[in-house]
Amino acid sequence: MAKQKPDLAAALLRQPSSRGRSQAPASPVANQQKDRIGKESMTVFYVSEVKRQLWMMKAESGKTLHRMIGEALNDYFAKHGKPEIVPIEEDANA
């Protein structure tokens, strides 16, 4: 019979912290940045030239990547008759 592997998560919880107490795992919501609550991330993959050009435009404009992509999404929504729903905050240095 194969030996059962130890439960590492349980072992870590039993491990005393530097203050001599066990630490409960932090809630994922507690670790979220306040400006991310209620939002979801999206991952996309493009050729490296797309990323390079975006970073160059970011440097030239002084805008954040977040703002640039938000503007692009709003333009795309408008082009297809949809409401422009991405809020565009003013950049500190734009």
C-alpha atoms as a PDB file:
ATOM      1  CA  MET A   1       0.000   0.000   0.000  1.00  0.00           C
ATOM      2  CA  ALA A   2       1.338   3.442  -0.965  1.00  0.00           C
ATOM      3  CA  LYS A   3       2.185   5.815   1.819  1.00  0.00           C
ATOM      4  CA  GLN A   4      -0.216   8.787   1.968  1.00  0.00           C
ATOM      5  CA  LYS A   5       1.403  12.164   1.308  1.00  0.00           C
ATOM      6  CA  PRO A   6       1.252  14.656   4.173  1.00  0.00           C
ATOM      7  CA  ASP A   7      -1.221  17.536   3.984  1.00  0.00           C
ATOM      8  CA  LEU A   8       1.173  20.453   3.500  1.00  0.00           C
ATOM      9  CA  ALA A   9      -1.465  23.145   3.997  1.00  0.00           C
ATOM     10  CA  ALA A  10      -2.442  21.673   7.368  1.00  0.00           C
ATOM     11  CA  ALA A  11       1.205  21.352   8.351  1.00  0.00           C
ATOM     12  CA  LEU A  12       1.810  25.017   7.552  1.00  0.00           C
ATOM     13  CA  LEU A  13      -1.164  26.015   9.683  1.00  0.00           C
ATOM     14  CA  ARG A  14       0.229  24.003  12.590  1.00  0.00           C
ATOM     15  CA  GLN A  15       3.678  25.583  12.158  1.00  0.00           C
ATOM     16  CA  PRO A  16       4.140  28.329  14.757  1.00  0.00           C
ATOM     17  CA  SER A  17       4.755  31.791  13.357  1.00  0.00           C
ATOM     18  CA  SER A  18       7.604  34.017  14.504  1.00  0.00           C
ATOM     19  CA  ARG A  19       5.299  35.207  17.297  1.00  0.00           C
ATOM     20  CA  GLY A  20       4.514  31.694  18.469  1.00  0.00           C
ATOM     21  CA  ARG A  21       0.956  31.558  17.080  1.00  0.00           C
ATOM     22  CA  SER A  22      -0.589  29.683  14.197  1.00  0.00           C
ATOM     23  CA  GLN A  23      -1.665  31.898  11.356  1.00  0.00           C
ATOM     24  CA  ALA A  24      -4.959  31.334   9.575  1.00  0.00           C
ATOM     25  CA  PRO A  25      -4.874  31.759   5.811  1.00  0.00           C
ATOM     26  CA  ALA A  26      -5.816  35.261   4.724  1.00  0.00           C
ATOM     27  CA  SER A  27      -9.102  35.758   2.925  1.00  0.00           C
ATOM     28  CA  PRO A  28      -8.633  36.348  -0.820  1.00  0.00           C
ATOM     29  CA  VAL A  29     -10.993  39.333  -0.599  1.00  0.00           C
ATOM     30  CA  ALA A  30      -8.986  40.831   2.260  1.00  0.00           C
ATOM     31  CA  ASN A  31      -5.871  40.713   0.093  1.00  0.00           C
ATOM     32  CA  GLN A  32      -7.497  42.470  -2.874  1.00  0.00           C
ATOM     33  CA  GLN A  33      -6.604  46.059  -3.512  1.00  0.00           C
ATOM     34  CA  LYS A  34      -9.615  48.268  -2.880  1.00  0.00           C
ATOM     35  CA  ASP A  35      -9.683  49.551  -6.461  1.00  0.00           C
ATOM     36  CA  ARG A  36      -9.975  45.970  -7.758  1.00  0.00           C
ATOM     37  CA  ILE A  37     -13.057  44.950  -5.774  1.00  0.00           C
ATOM     38  CA  GLY A  38     -15.901  44.113  -8.139  1.00  0.00           C
ATOM     39  CA  LYS A  39     -13.570  43.898 -11.138  1.00  0.00           C
ATOM     40  CA  GLU A  40     -12.168  40.944 -13.038  1.00  0.00           C
ATOM     41  CA  SER A  41      -8.844  40.455 -14.751  1.00  0.00           C
ATOM     42  CA  MET A  42      -8.476  39.464 -18.399  1.00  0.00           C
ATOM     43  CA  THR A  43      -5.420  37.951 -19.997  1.00  0.00           C
ATOM     44  CA  VAL A  44      -4.707  38.239 -23.712  1.00  0.00           C
ATOM     45  CA  PHE A  45      -1.823  37.019 -25.825  1.00  0.00           C
ATOM     46  CA  TYR A  46      -0.372  38.889 -28.801  1.00  0.00           C
ATOM     47  CA  VAL A  47       2.954  38.915 -30.608  1.00  0.00           C
ATOM     48  CA  SER A  48       5.723  40.768 -28.780  1.00  0.00           C
ATOM     49  CA  GLU A  49       5.585  43.726 -31.215  1.00  0.00           C
ATOM     50  CA  VAL A  50       2.120  44.633 -29.885  1.00  0.00           C
ATOM     51  CA  LYS A  51       3.414  44.882 -26.344  1.00  0.00           C
ATOM     52  CA  ARG A  52       6.484  46.826 -27.467  1.00  0.00           C
ATOM     53  CA  GLN A  53       4.378  49.355 -29.379  1.00  0.00           C
ATOM     54  CA  LEU A  54       1.962  49.795 -26.464  1.00  0.00           C
ATOM     55  CA  TRP A  55       4.858  50.481 -24.092  1.00  0.00           C
ATOM     56  CA  MET A  56       6.317  52.998 -26.545  1.00  0.00           C
ATOM     57  CA  MET A  57       2.951  54.784 -26.839  1.00  0.00           C
ATOM     58  CA  LYS A  58       2.639  54.705 -23.046  1.00  0.00           C
ATOM     59  CA  ALA A  59       6.009  56.432 -22.693  1.00  0.00           C
ATOM     60  CA  GLU A  60       5.220  58.990 -25.410  1.00  0.00           C
ATOM     61  CA  SER A  61       1.783  59.892 -24.054  1.00  0.00           C
ATOM     62  CA  GLY A  62       2.499  59.702 -20.320  1.00  0.00           C
ATOM     63  CA  LYS A  63      -0.769  57.758 -19.913  1.00  0.00           C
ATOM     64  CA  THR A  64      -1.125  54.555 -17.953  1.00  0.00           C
ATOM     65  CA  LEU A  65      -1.577  51.289 -19.821  1.00  0.00           C
ATOM     66  CA  HIS A  66      -4.868  50.886 -17.960  1.00  0.00           C
ATOM     67  CA  ARG A  67      -6.134  54.204 -19.363  1.00  0.00           C
ATOM     68  CA  MET A  68      -4.921  53.471 -22.896  1.00  0.00           C
ATOM     69  CA  ILE A  69      -6.685  50.108 -22.994  1.00  0.00           C
ATOM     70  CA  GLY A  70      -9.816  51.645 -21.452  1.00  0.00           C
ATOM     71  CA  GLU A  71      -9.897  54.292 -24.194  1.00  0.00           C
ATOM     72  CA  ALA A  72      -9.421  51.606 -26.856  1.00  0.00           C
ATOM     73  CA  LEU A  73     -12.255  49.503 -25.431  1.00  0.00           C
ATOM     74  CA  ASN A  74     -14.585  52.504 -25.293  1.00  0.00           C
ATOM     75  CA  ASP A  75     -13.727  53.319 -28.933  1.00  0.00           C
ATOM     76  CA  TYR A  76     -14.497  49.722 -29.908  1.00  0.00           C
ATOM     77  CA  PHE A  77     -17.795  49.755 -28.009  1.00  0.00           C
ATOM     78  CA  ALA A  78     -18.816  53.037 -29.687  1.00  0.00           C
ATOM     79  CA  LYS A  79     -17.852  51.688 -33.122  1.00  0.00           C
ATOM     80  CA  HIS A  80     -20.314  48.824 -32.580  1.00  0.00           C
ATOM     81  CA  GLY A  81     -23.123  50.962 -31.146  1.00  0.00           C
ATOM     82  CA  LYS A  82     -22.557  49.936 -27.530  1.00  0.00           C
ATOM     83  CA  PRO A  83     -22.292  52.292 -24.549  1.00  0.00           C
ATOM     84  CA  GLU A  84     -18.810  53.410 -23.575  1.00  0.00           C
ATOM     85  CA  ILE A  85     -18.734  51.854 -20.118  1.00  0.00           C
ATOM     86  CA  VAL A  86     -15.040  51.874 -19.185  1.00  0.00           C
ATOM     87  CA  PRO A  87     -14.491  54.711 -16.699  1.00  0.00           C
ATOM     88  CA  ILE A  88     -11.500  56.839 -17.687  1.00  0.00           C
ATOM     89  CA  GLU A  89      -9.821  58.404 -14.686  1.00  0.00           C
ATOM     90  CA  GLU A  90      -7.451  61.320 -15.154  1.00  0.00           C
ATOM     91  CA  ASP A  91      -3.810  60.325 -14.959  1.00  0.00           C
ATOM     92  CA  ALA A  92      -1.676  62.266 -12.523  1.00  0.00           C
ATOM     93  CA  ASN A  93       0.902  63.070 -15.190  1.00  0.00           C
ATOM     94  CA  ALA A  94      -1.284  63.182 -18.326  1.00  0.00           C
END
